Structure formats: C-alpha cells, structure tokens
Amino acid sequence: MPKMKTNRGAAKRFKRTGSGKFKFSKSHANHILTKKTTKRKRGLRQGQVVDQTNEKSIKRMIPYA
C-alpha cells in the first residue's frame, strides 16, 4: 500500500503536543492591529488546543504527526 500524503496546509498550521492533542495559533494577529484592543491582541498571542470534534479530521490530514 502506498504512503499517505500529508495535507501541507494543515501541517503548517497544527503541531502535535506531548499528550497527543493538536495545538494551533489564533488568526487575526498580523495586520490592522491599531483598531484592536490591547486585551484582544494579548489573547491572540496565546496558542489554543483543537476541539475534540475536529481532532479526527486533522488526524486524517496529518497522518504522520
């Protein structure tokens, strides 16, 4: 059986944690930052863990992560 292909877009966006969950960084933190509050920008710096409902589809996109 041939090797499965990794979805490269997903591979760049998600990383596997030690416990097997997927983490990602939040969007909207690159430009047009003047109208966003300091509190909002500070929140965007934090990474987040993928919800359990989406984990199956990400595992399918990144089979070797």
C-alpha atoms as a PDB file:
ATOM      1  CA  MET A   1       0.000   0.000   0.000  1.00  0.00           C
ATOM      2  CA  PRO A   2       1.411   3.464  -0.856  1.00  0.00           C
ATOM      3  CA  LYS A   3       2.248   6.074   1.722  1.00  0.00           C
ATOM      4  CA  MET A   4      -0.468   8.538   2.655  1.00  0.00           C
ATOM      5  CA  LYS A   5       0.023  12.153   1.660  1.00  0.00           C
ATOM      6  CA  THR A   6       0.107  14.848   4.313  1.00  0.00           C
ATOM      7  CA  ASN A   7      -2.022  17.940   3.749  1.00  0.00           C
ATOM      8  CA  ARG A   8       0.760  20.542   3.716  1.00  0.00           C
ATOM      9  CA  GLY A   9      -1.533  23.436   4.625  1.00  0.00           C
ATOM     10  CA  ALA A  10      -2.667  21.609   7.758  1.00  0.00           C
ATOM     11  CA  ALA A  11       0.887  20.545   8.619  1.00  0.00           C
ATOM     12  CA  LYS A  12       1.959  24.202   8.728  1.00  0.00           C
ATOM     13  CA  ARG A  13      -0.969  25.224  10.942  1.00  0.00           C
ATOM     14  CA  PHE A  14      -1.112  22.434  13.550  1.00  0.00           C
ATOM     15  CA  LYS A  15       1.512  20.836  15.808  1.00  0.00           C
ATOM     16  CA  ARG A  16       1.112  17.759  17.984  1.00  0.00           C
ATOM     17  CA  THR A  17       1.516  18.173  21.745  1.00  0.00           C
ATOM     18  CA  GLY A  18       3.124  15.633  24.052  1.00  0.00           C
ATOM     19  CA  SER A  19      -0.270  14.329  25.138  1.00  0.00           C
ATOM     20  CA  GLY A  20      -1.362  13.781  21.513  1.00  0.00           C
ATOM     21  CA  LYS A  21      -3.598  16.816  21.120  1.00  0.00           C
ATOM     22  CA  PHE A  22      -3.199  19.376  18.338  1.00  0.00           C
ATOM     23  CA  LYS A  23      -2.300  22.991  19.057  1.00  0.00           C
ATOM     24  CA  PHE A  24      -2.585  25.971  16.750  1.00  0.00           C
ATOM     25  CA  SER A  25      -2.083  29.719  16.844  1.00  0.00           C
ATOM     26  CA  LYS A  26      -5.016  32.102  16.537  1.00  0.00           C
ATOM     27  CA  SER A  27      -5.751  34.197  13.463  1.00  0.00           C
ATOM     28  CA  HIS A  28      -6.168  37.987  13.036  1.00  0.00           C
ATOM     29  CA  ALA A  29      -2.880  38.890  14.738  1.00  0.00           C
ATOM     30  CA  ASN A  30      -0.827  40.036  11.732  1.00  0.00           C
ATOM     31  CA  HIS A  31      -2.050  43.410  10.483  1.00  0.00           C
ATOM     32  CA  ILE A  32      -4.675  46.110  11.067  1.00  0.00           C
ATOM     33  CA  LEU A  33      -3.763  45.973  14.754  1.00  0.00           C
ATOM     34  CA  THR A  34      -4.497  49.625  15.585  1.00  0.00           C
ATOM     35  CA  LYS A  35      -8.248  49.129  15.944  1.00  0.00           C
ATOM     36  CA  LYS A  36      -7.883  46.013  18.084  1.00  0.00           C
ATOM     37  CA  THR A  37      -7.726  46.436  21.847  1.00  0.00           C
ATOM     38  CA  THR A  38      -4.613  45.502  23.818  1.00  0.00           C
ATOM     39  CA  LYS A  39      -6.595  42.842  25.634  1.00  0.00           C
ATOM     40  CA  ARG A  40      -7.718  41.283  22.353  1.00  0.00           C
ATOM     41  CA  LYS A  41      -4.186  41.308  20.885  1.00  0.00           C
ATOM     42  CA  ARG A  42      -2.797  39.753  24.064  1.00  0.00           C
ATOM     43  CA  GLY A  43      -5.360  36.964  23.756  1.00  0.00           C
ATOM     44  CA  LEU A  44      -4.377  36.329  20.146  1.00  0.00           C
ATOM     45  CA  ARG A  45      -0.784  35.623  21.222  1.00  0.00           C
ATOM     46  CA  GLN A  46      -1.839  32.535  23.158  1.00  0.00           C
ATOM     47  CA  GLY A  47      -1.945  29.214  21.370  1.00  0.00           C
ATOM     48  CA  GLN A  48      -5.031  27.061  21.599  1.00  0.00           C
ATOM     49  CA  VAL A  49      -5.827  23.354  21.539  1.00  0.00           C
ATOM     50  CA  VAL A  50      -8.081  21.982  18.804  1.00  0.00           C
ATOM     51  CA  ASP A  51     -11.566  20.965  19.929  1.00  0.00           C
ATOM     52  CA  GLN A  52     -12.249  17.252  20.242  1.00  0.00           C
ATOM     53  CA  THR A  53     -14.877  17.366  17.482  1.00  0.00           C
ATOM     54  CA  ASN A  54     -12.278  18.467  14.901  1.00  0.00           C
ATOM     55  CA  GLU A  55      -9.434  16.218  16.026  1.00  0.00           C
ATOM     56  CA  LYS A  56     -10.437  13.260  13.828  1.00  0.00           C
ATOM     57  CA  SER A  57     -10.322  15.295  10.620  1.00  0.00           C
ATOM     58  CA  ILE A  58      -6.930  16.781  11.499  1.00  0.00           C
ATOM     59  CA  LYS A  59      -5.515  13.337  12.234  1.00  0.00           C
ATOM     60  CA  ARG A  60      -6.645  12.327   8.759  1.00  0.00           C
ATOM     61  CA  MET A  61      -4.911  15.356   7.201  1.00  0.00           C
ATOM     62  CA  ILE A  62      -1.654  14.847   9.150  1.00  0.00           C
ATOM     63  CA  PRO A  63      -1.290  11.058   9.359  1.00  0.00           C
ATOM     64  CA  TYR A  64       2.364  11.038  10.477  1.00  0.00           C
ATOM     65  CA  ALA A  65       2.209  13.816  13.109  1.00  0.00           C
END
